[in-house]
């Protein structure tokens, strides 16, 4: 998995502090911006977090580029609907040798791993045969790969770029950094959290699974490791 931030709102913490301050200040915008020193920004952001005033953090956004993840992950990712997504298309890109993700629990068992890999080989063979057959029947290459792609498994590797604002990211981390999240999207969420903390540590200081700032919302389905989670994301 390769995750990077390709763009983000410049001076994100200053932007959020300024937008929030505007809600409570009679000062004109130019004067307000001039007063936003690093110390003032830090103090106001701390107050903002304590107040639970979340709407100002929507002014800041981050664009991620992700490679080496499965279609299974991307199907989960796009459920976070307040975001913008661009994904490598299997309708326009012919996959002469598709790459795939092997789940760790399968990878550590040699027999299961071999079964899994053989299925991937068979999937590629089926795809190729469908493409050749459809082209031979008079379909264009685009039309052929558009139908042949149905043979690919969820394990098929994909590339995706997406943009989320900071408030959406906070919600994303609450759900996907949780120990009960599926392993691949949890790994993505943890890596994304590391990256945004480097850019805006005050905004994401308390970001992470829901149990960091309260009780576990999973009730009887809790992982039972709330203390370890709090120490990890601390």
C-alpha atoms as a PDB file:
ATOM      1  CA  UNK A   1       0.000   0.000   0.000  1.00  0.00           C
ATOM      2  CA  UNK A   2       1.319   3.417  -0.996  1.00  0.00           C
ATOM      3  CA  UNK A   3      -0.457   6.463   0.436  1.00  0.00           C
ATOM      4  CA  UNK A   4       0.479  10.096  -0.079  1.00  0.00           C
ATOM      5  CA  UNK A   5      -1.070  13.540   0.189  1.00  0.00           C
ATOM      6  CA  UNK A   6      -0.699  15.270  -3.167  1.00  0.00           C
ATOM      7  CA  UNK A   7      -2.373  18.567  -2.210  1.00  0.00           C
ATOM      8  CA  UNK A   8      -3.961  20.222   0.799  1.00  0.00           C
ATOM      9  CA  UNK A   9      -5.289  23.598   1.876  1.00  0.00           C
ATOM     10  CA  UNK A  10      -2.303  25.862   2.670  1.00  0.00           C
ATOM     11  CA  UNK A  11      -1.978  26.883   6.324  1.00  0.00           C
ATOM     12  CA  UNK A  12      -4.921  24.681   7.299  1.00  0.00           C
ATOM     13  CA  UNK A  13      -4.934  25.475  11.002  1.00  0.00           C
ATOM     14  CA  UNK A  14      -4.818  29.241  10.382  1.00  0.00           C
ATOM     15  CA  UNK A  15      -7.706  28.919   7.913  1.00  0.00           C
ATOM     16  CA  UNK A  16      -9.857  27.027  10.408  1.00  0.00           C
ATOM     17  CA  UNK A  17      -9.046  29.344  13.292  1.00  0.00           C
ATOM     18  CA  UNK A  18      -9.854  32.383  11.147  1.00  0.00           C
ATOM     19  CA  UNK A  19     -13.159  30.946   9.940  1.00  0.00           C
ATOM     20  CA  UNK A  20     -14.181  30.007  13.478  1.00  0.00           C
ATOM     21  CA  UNK A  21     -13.074  33.336  14.944  1.00  0.00           C
ATOM     22  CA  UNK A  22     -15.194  35.135  12.361  1.00  0.00           C
ATOM     23  CA  UNK A  23     -18.314  33.585  13.887  1.00  0.00           C
ATOM     24  CA  UNK A  24     -17.673  35.283  17.224  1.00  0.00           C
ATOM     25  CA  UNK A  25     -15.909  38.518  16.253  1.00  0.00           C
ATOM     26  CA  UNK A  26     -17.202  41.961  15.183  1.00  0.00           C
ATOM     27  CA  UNK A  27     -13.799  42.623  13.537  1.00  0.00           C
ATOM     28  CA  UNK A  28     -13.559  42.971   9.754  1.00  0.00           C
ATOM     29  CA  UNK A  29     -11.920  40.078   7.910  1.00  0.00           C
ATOM     30  CA  UNK A  30      -8.614  41.782   7.067  1.00  0.00           C
ATOM     31  CA  UNK A  31      -8.055  42.822  10.677  1.00  0.00           C
ATOM     32  CA  UNK A  32      -9.072  39.389  11.898  1.00  0.00           C
ATOM     33  CA  UNK A  33      -6.569  37.654   9.612  1.00  0.00           C
ATOM     34  CA  UNK A  34      -3.752  39.944  10.713  1.00  0.00           C
ATOM     35  CA  UNK A  35      -4.339  38.955  14.335  1.00  0.00           C
ATOM     36  CA  UNK A  36      -3.941  35.226  13.642  1.00  0.00           C
ATOM     37  CA  UNK A  37      -0.501  34.646  15.139  1.00  0.00           C
ATOM     38  CA  UNK A  38       0.689  31.047  15.760  1.00  0.00           C
ATOM     39  CA  UNK A  39      -0.076  31.417  19.476  1.00  0.00           C
ATOM     40  CA  UNK A  40      -3.557  32.796  18.812  1.00  0.00           C
ATOM     41  CA  UNK A  41      -4.285  30.008  16.336  1.00  0.00           C
ATOM     42  CA  UNK A  42      -3.233  27.326  18.809  1.00  0.00           C
ATOM     43  CA  UNK A  43      -5.287  28.779  21.667  1.00  0.00           C
ATOM     44  CA  UNK A  44      -8.378  29.213  19.539  1.00  0.00           C
ATOM     45  CA  UNK A  45      -8.175  25.726  18.023  1.00  0.00           C
ATOM     46  CA  UNK A  46      -7.978  24.191  21.493  1.00  0.00           C
ATOM     47  CA  UNK A  47     -11.080  26.139  22.485  1.00  0.00           C
ATOM     48  CA  UNK A  48     -12.805  25.073  19.271  1.00  0.00           C
ATOM     49  CA  UNK A  49     -12.197  21.399  20.030  1.00  0.00           C
ATOM     50  CA  UNK A  50     -13.503  21.787  23.586  1.00  0.00           C
ATOM     51  CA  UNK A  51     -16.646  23.526  22.305  1.00  0.00           C
ATOM     52  CA  UNK A  52     -17.283  20.865  19.698  1.00  0.00           C
ATOM     53  CA  UNK A  53     -17.653  23.527  16.987  1.00  0.00           C
ATOM     54  CA  UNK A  54     -16.947  21.363  13.929  1.00  0.00           C
ATOM     55  CA  UNK A  55     -18.268  23.272  10.905  1.00  0.00           C
ATOM     56  CA  UNK A  56     -15.166  25.523  10.504  1.00  0.00           C
ATOM     57  CA  UNK A  57     -12.912  22.529   9.857  1.00  0.00           C
ATOM     58  CA  UNK A  58     -14.830  21.892   6.628  1.00  0.00           C
ATOM     59  CA  UNK A  59     -12.886  24.791   5.078  1.00  0.00           C
ATOM     60  CA  UNK A  60      -9.772  22.596   4.928  1.00  0.00           C
ATOM     61  CA  UNK A  61      -9.333  19.689   2.518  1.00  0.00           C
ATOM     62  CA  UNK A  62      -6.737  17.031   1.701  1.00  0.00           C
ATOM     63  CA  UNK A  63      -6.245  15.136  -1.572  1.00  0.00           C
ATOM     64  CA  UNK A  64      -4.814  11.620  -1.261  1.00  0.00           C
ATOM     65  CA  UNK A  65      -3.293   9.351  -3.902  1.00  0.00           C
ATOM     66  CA  UNK A  66      -3.419   5.647  -3.058  1.00  0.00           C
ATOM     67  CA  UNK A  67      -1.902   2.644  -4.857  1.00  0.00           C
ATOM     68  CA  UNK A  68      -1.607  -1.032  -4.005  1.00  0.00           C
ATOM     69  CA  UNK A  69      -5.090  -1.475  -2.584  1.00  0.00           C
ATOM     70  CA  UNK A  70      -7.911  -3.792  -3.608  1.00  0.00           C
ATOM     71  CA  UNK A  71     -11.262  -3.160  -5.204  1.00  0.00           C
ATOM     72  CA  UNK A  72     -12.673  -4.557  -1.970  1.00  0.00           C
ATOM     73  CA  UNK A  73     -11.183  -1.568  -0.154  1.00  0.00           C
ATOM     74  CA  UNK A  74     -12.366   0.971  -2.719  1.00  0.00           C
ATOM     75  CA  UNK A  75     -15.949  -0.367  -2.428  1.00  0.00           C
ATOM     76  CA  UNK A  76     -15.812   0.455   1.295  1.00  0.00           C
ATOM     77  CA  UNK A  77     -14.067   3.794   0.788  1.00  0.00           C
ATOM     78  CA  UNK A  78     -16.719   5.275  -1.496  1.00  0.00           C
ATOM     79  CA  UNK A  79     -19.363   4.693   1.168  1.00  0.00           C
ATOM     80  CA  UNK A  80     -17.957   7.885   2.685  1.00  0.00           C
ATOM     81  CA  UNK A  81     -20.070   9.941   0.309  1.00  0.00           C
ATOM     82  CA  UNK A  82     -19.022  13.521   1.123  1.00  0.00           C
ATOM     83  CA  UNK A  83     -15.814  13.251  -0.869  1.00  0.00           C
ATOM     84  CA  UNK A  84     -14.558  13.338  -4.463  1.00  0.00           C
ATOM     85  CA  UNK A  85     -13.140  10.174  -6.059  1.00  0.00           C
ATOM     86  CA  UNK A  86     -11.215   9.318  -9.231  1.00  0.00           C
ATOM     87  CA  UNK A  87     -10.363   5.639  -9.758  1.00  0.00           C
ATOM     88  CA  UNK A  88      -8.482   3.733 -12.426  1.00  0.00           C
ATOM     89  CA  UNK A  89     -11.090   2.444 -14.869  1.00  0.00           C
ATOM     90  CA  UNK A  90     -11.330  -1.190 -15.891  1.00  0.00           C
ATOM     91  CA  UNK A  91     -13.503  -0.087 -18.823  1.00  0.00           C
ATOM     92  CA  UNK A  92     -10.680   1.870 -20.458  1.00  0.00           C
ATOM     93  CA  UNK A  93      -7.532   0.199 -19.080  1.00  0.00           C
ATOM     94  CA  UNK A  94      -6.839  -3.295 -20.393  1.00  0.00           C
ATOM     95  CA  UNK A  95      -5.255  -5.416 -17.680  1.00  0.00           C
ATOM     96  CA  UNK A  96      -2.957  -7.846 -19.460  1.00  0.00           C
ATOM     97  CA  UNK A  97      -1.574  -8.943 -16.098  1.00  0.00           C
ATOM     98  CA  UNK A  98      -3.584  -7.692 -13.183  1.00  0.00           C
ATOM     99  CA  UNK A  99      -2.031  -7.287  -9.768  1.00  0.00           C
ATOM    100  CA  UNK A 100      -3.885  -8.396  -6.665  1.00  0.00           C
ATOM    101  CA  UNK A 101      -3.874  -8.094  -2.887  1.00  0.00           C
ATOM    102  CA  UNK A 102      -3.350 -11.164  -0.696  1.00  0.00           C
ATOM    103  CA  UNK A 103      -4.986 -10.939   2.762  1.00  0.00           C
ATOM    104  CA  UNK A 104      -2.408 -11.542   5.533  1.00  0.00           C
ATOM    105  CA  UNK A 105      -4.329 -14.479   7.039  1.00  0.00           C
ATOM    106  CA  UNK A 106      -4.221 -16.236   3.671  1.00  0.00           C
ATOM    107  CA  UNK A 107      -0.610 -15.255   2.973  1.00  0.00           C
ATOM    108  CA  UNK A 108       0.691 -16.916   6.149  1.00  0.00           C
ATOM    109  CA  UNK A 109      -0.757 -20.326   5.229  1.00  0.00           C
ATOM    110  CA  UNK A 110       1.203 -21.817   2.318  1.00  0.00           C
ATOM    111  CA  UNK A 111      -1.608 -24.116   1.159  1.00  0.00           C
ATOM    112  CA  UNK A 112      -4.287 -21.423   1.241  1.00  0.00           C
ATOM    113  CA  UNK A 113      -1.926 -18.971  -0.423  1.00  0.00           C
ATOM    114  CA  UNK A 114      -1.356 -21.398  -3.308  1.00  0.00           C
ATOM    115  CA  UNK A 115      -5.108 -21.935  -3.695  1.00  0.00           C
ATOM    116  CA  UNK A 116      -5.619 -18.188  -3.735  1.00  0.00           C
ATOM    117  CA  UNK A 117      -2.876 -17.496  -6.289  1.00  0.00           C
ATOM    118  CA  UNK A 118      -4.184 -20.231  -8.585  1.00  0.00           C
ATOM    119  CA  UNK A 119      -7.594 -18.556  -8.525  1.00  0.00           C
ATOM    120  CA  UNK A 120      -5.971 -15.258  -9.537  1.00  0.00           C
ATOM    121  CA  UNK A 121      -4.172 -17.010 -12.409  1.00  0.00           C
ATOM    122  CA  UNK A 122      -7.463 -18.548 -13.541  1.00  0.00           C
ATOM    123  CA  UNK A 123      -9.183 -15.158 -13.339  1.00  0.00           C
ATOM    124  CA  UNK A 124      -6.568 -13.625 -15.618  1.00  0.00           C
ATOM    125  CA  UNK A 125      -6.900 -16.520 -18.055  1.00  0.00           C
ATOM    126  CA  UNK A 126     -10.693 -16.161 -18.112  1.00  0.00           C
ATOM    127  CA  UNK A 127     -10.409 -12.408 -18.679  1.00  0.00           C
ATOM    128  CA  UNK A 128      -7.970 -12.871 -21.562  1.00  0.00           C
ATOM    129  CA  UNK A 129     -10.152 -15.511 -23.224  1.00  0.00           C
ATOM    130  CA  UNK A 130     -13.218 -13.297 -22.939  1.00  0.00           C
ATOM    131  CA  UNK A 131     -11.379 -10.310 -24.410  1.00  0.00           C
ATOM    132  CA  UNK A 132     -10.041 -12.295 -27.371  1.00  0.00           C
ATOM    133  CA  UNK A 133     -13.401 -13.975 -27.977  1.00  0.00           C
ATOM    134  CA  UNK A 134     -15.382 -10.731 -27.874  1.00  0.00           C
ATOM    135  CA  UNK A 135     -12.943  -8.976 -30.214  1.00  0.00           C
ATOM    136  CA  UNK A 136     -13.097 -11.947 -32.594  1.00  0.00           C
ATOM    137  CA  UNK A 137     -16.885 -11.629 -32.620  1.00  0.00           C
ATOM    138  CA  UNK A 138     -16.615  -8.043 -33.852  1.00  0.00           C
ATOM    139  CA  UNK A 139     -16.599  -6.033 -30.617  1.00  0.00           C
ATOM    140  CA  UNK A 140     -14.124  -3.195 -30.198  1.00  0.00           C
ATOM    141  CA  UNK A 141     -11.359  -3.603 -27.578  1.00  0.00           C
ATOM    142  CA  UNK A 142     -13.093  -1.112 -25.290  1.00  0.00           C
ATOM    143  CA  UNK A 143     -16.380  -3.006 -25.576  1.00  0.00           C
ATOM    144  CA  UNK A 144     -14.570  -6.300 -24.995  1.00  0.00           C
ATOM    145  CA  UNK A 145     -12.737  -5.261 -21.827  1.00  0.00           C
ATOM    146  CA  UNK A 146     -15.879  -3.547 -20.573  1.00  0.00           C
ATOM    147  CA  UNK A 147     -17.615  -6.937 -20.393  1.00  0.00           C
ATOM    148  CA  UNK A 148     -14.565  -9.104 -19.644  1.00  0.00           C
ATOM    149  CA  UNK A 149     -13.788  -7.117 -16.464  1.00  0.00           C
ATOM    150  CA  UNK A 150     -16.703  -8.887 -14.752  1.00  0.00           C
ATOM    151  CA  UNK A 151     -14.362 -11.873 -14.381  1.00  0.00           C
ATOM    152  CA  UNK A 152     -12.006  -9.996 -12.067  1.00  0.00           C
ATOM    153  CA  UNK A 153     -12.193 -10.624  -8.290  1.00  0.00           C
ATOM    154  CA  UNK A 154     -12.436  -7.999  -5.534  1.00  0.00           C
ATOM    155  CA  UNK A 155      -8.749  -8.698  -4.857  1.00  0.00           C
ATOM    156  CA  UNK A 156      -7.831  -6.866  -8.081  1.00  0.00           C
ATOM    157  CA  UNK A 157      -5.437  -4.015  -7.302  1.00  0.00           C
ATOM    158  CA  UNK A 158      -6.564  -0.479  -8.047  1.00  0.00           C
ATOM    159  CA  UNK A 159      -5.374   3.132  -7.871  1.00  0.00           C
ATOM    160  CA  UNK A 160      -7.510   5.940  -6.543  1.00  0.00           C
ATOM    161  CA  UNK A 161      -7.312   9.645  -5.752  1.00  0.00           C
ATOM    162  CA  UNK A 162      -9.813  11.276  -3.431  1.00  0.00           C
ATOM    163  CA  UNK A 163     -10.391  14.546  -1.616  1.00  0.00           C
ATOM    164  CA  UNK A 164     -11.986  14.920   1.801  1.00  0.00           C
ATOM    165  CA  UNK A 165     -12.449  17.921   4.034  1.00  0.00           C
ATOM    166  CA  UNK A 166     -11.126  17.729   7.582  1.00  0.00           C
ATOM    167  CA  UNK A 167     -14.533  17.166   9.157  1.00  0.00           C
ATOM    168  CA  UNK A 168     -15.206  14.198   6.868  1.00  0.00           C
ATOM    169  CA  UNK A 169     -11.751  12.875   7.705  1.00  0.00           C
ATOM    170  CA  UNK A 170     -12.488  13.044  11.419  1.00  0.00           C
ATOM    171  CA  UNK A 171     -15.601  10.939  10.840  1.00  0.00           C
ATOM    172  CA  UNK A 172     -13.665   8.569   8.572  1.00  0.00           C
ATOM    173  CA  UNK A 173     -11.035   7.995  11.267  1.00  0.00           C
ATOM    174  CA  UNK A 174     -13.713   7.336  13.909  1.00  0.00           C
ATOM    175  CA  UNK A 175     -15.065   4.445  11.870  1.00  0.00           C
ATOM    176  CA  UNK A 176     -12.043   3.098  10.016  1.00  0.00           C
ATOM    177  CA  UNK A 177      -9.305   3.323  12.678  1.00  0.00           C
ATOM    178  CA  UNK A 178     -11.461   1.129  14.900  1.00  0.00           C
ATOM    179  CA  UNK A 179     -10.165  -2.382  15.587  1.00  0.00           C
ATOM    180  CA  UNK A 180     -13.428  -3.751  14.203  1.00  0.00           C
ATOM    181  CA  UNK A 181     -12.866  -2.147  10.813  1.00  0.00           C
ATOM    182  CA  UNK A 182     -11.786  -4.453   7.971  1.00  0.00           C
ATOM    183  CA  UNK A 183      -7.997  -4.859   8.070  1.00  0.00           C
ATOM    184  CA  UNK A 184      -7.165  -3.231   4.726  1.00  0.00           C
ATOM    185  CA  UNK A 185      -9.180  -0.049   5.127  1.00  0.00           C
ATOM    186  CA  UNK A 186      -7.980   0.234   8.737  1.00  0.00           C
ATOM    187  CA  UNK A 187      -4.390   0.159   7.466  1.00  0.00           C
ATOM    188  CA  UNK A 188      -5.291   2.907   4.985  1.00  0.00           C
ATOM    189  CA  UNK A 189      -6.978   5.018   7.673  1.00  0.00           C
ATOM    190  CA  UNK A 190      -4.016   4.682  10.043  1.00  0.00           C
ATOM    191  CA  UNK A 191      -1.596   5.789   7.320  1.00  0.00           C
ATOM    192  CA  UNK A 192      -3.817   8.721   6.324  1.00  0.00           C
ATOM    193  CA  UNK A 193      -4.034   9.809   9.967  1.00  0.00           C
ATOM    194  CA  UNK A 194      -0.244   9.822  10.275  1.00  0.00           C
ATOM    195  CA  UNK A 195       0.044  12.010   7.173  1.00  0.00           C
ATOM    196  CA  UNK A 196      -2.561  14.611   8.166  1.00  0.00           C
ATOM    197  CA  UNK A 197      -1.113  14.860  11.675  1.00  0.00           C
ATOM    198  CA  UNK A 198       2.210  15.910  10.152  1.00  0.00           C
ATOM    199  CA  UNK A 199       0.483  18.795   8.369  1.00  0.00           C
ATOM    200  CA  UNK A 200      -2.153  19.824  10.914  1.00  0.00           C
ATOM    201  CA  UNK A 201      -1.311  18.296  14.321  1.00  0.00           C
ATOM    202  CA  UNK A 202      -3.646  20.550  16.309  1.00  0.00           C
ATOM    203  CA  UNK A 203      -6.674  19.779  14.142  1.00  0.00           C
ATOM    204  CA  UNK A 204      -6.150  16.017  14.296  1.00  0.00           C
ATOM    205  CA  UNK A 205      -4.761  15.806  17.811  1.00  0.00           C
ATOM    206  CA  UNK A 206      -7.795  13.838  19.019  1.00  0.00           C
ATOM    207  CA  UNK A 207      -8.512  12.034  15.746  1.00  0.00           C
ATOM    208  CA  UNK A 208      -8.831   8.264  15.722  1.00  0.00           C
ATOM    209  CA  UNK A 209     -11.411   5.635  16.689  1.00  0.00           C
ATOM    210  CA  UNK A 210     -14.507   6.775  18.578  1.00  0.00           C
ATOM    211  CA  UNK A 211     -13.398   5.258  21.889  1.00  0.00           C
ATOM    212  CA  UNK A 212     -10.554   7.775  22.245  1.00  0.00           C
ATOM    213  CA  UNK A 213     -12.974  10.417  23.480  1.00  0.00           C
ATOM    214  CA  UNK A 214     -15.586   8.269  25.159  1.00  0.00           C
ATOM    215  CA  UNK A 215     -16.957   4.772  25.496  1.00  0.00           C
ATOM    216  CA  UNK A 216     -16.832   2.223  22.715  1.00  0.00           C
ATOM    217  CA  UNK A 217     -19.908   2.603  20.443  1.00  0.00           C
ATOM    218  CA  UNK A 218     -19.740  -1.060  19.370  1.00  0.00           C
ATOM    219  CA  UNK A 219     -21.512  -2.223  22.570  1.00  0.00           C
ATOM    220  CA  UNK A 220     -21.378  -6.051  22.801  1.00  0.00           C
ATOM    221  CA  UNK A 221     -19.256  -6.184  19.643  1.00  0.00           C
ATOM    222  CA  UNK A 222     -16.424  -4.182  21.204  1.00  0.00           C
ATOM    223  CA  UNK A 223     -12.848  -5.408  20.702  1.00  0.00           C
ATOM    224  CA  UNK A 224     -12.343  -5.068  24.459  1.00  0.00           C
ATOM    225  CA  UNK A 225      -9.005  -3.296  24.021  1.00  0.00           C
ATOM    226  CA  UNK A 226      -9.961   0.308  24.728  1.00  0.00           C
ATOM    227  CA  UNK A 227      -6.924   0.968  26.946  1.00  0.00           C
ATOM    228  CA  UNK A 228      -4.504  -0.376  24.335  1.00  0.00           C
ATOM    229  CA  UNK A 229      -6.249   1.678  21.628  1.00  0.00           C
ATOM    230  CA  UNK A 230      -6.003   4.874  23.686  1.00  0.00           C
ATOM    231  CA  UNK A 231      -2.319   4.240  24.293  1.00  0.00           C
ATOM    232  CA  UNK A 232      -1.677   3.571  20.597  1.00  0.00           C
ATOM    233  CA  UNK A 233      -3.459   6.680  19.295  1.00  0.00           C
ATOM    234  CA  UNK A 234      -2.791   8.741  22.471  1.00  0.00           C
END
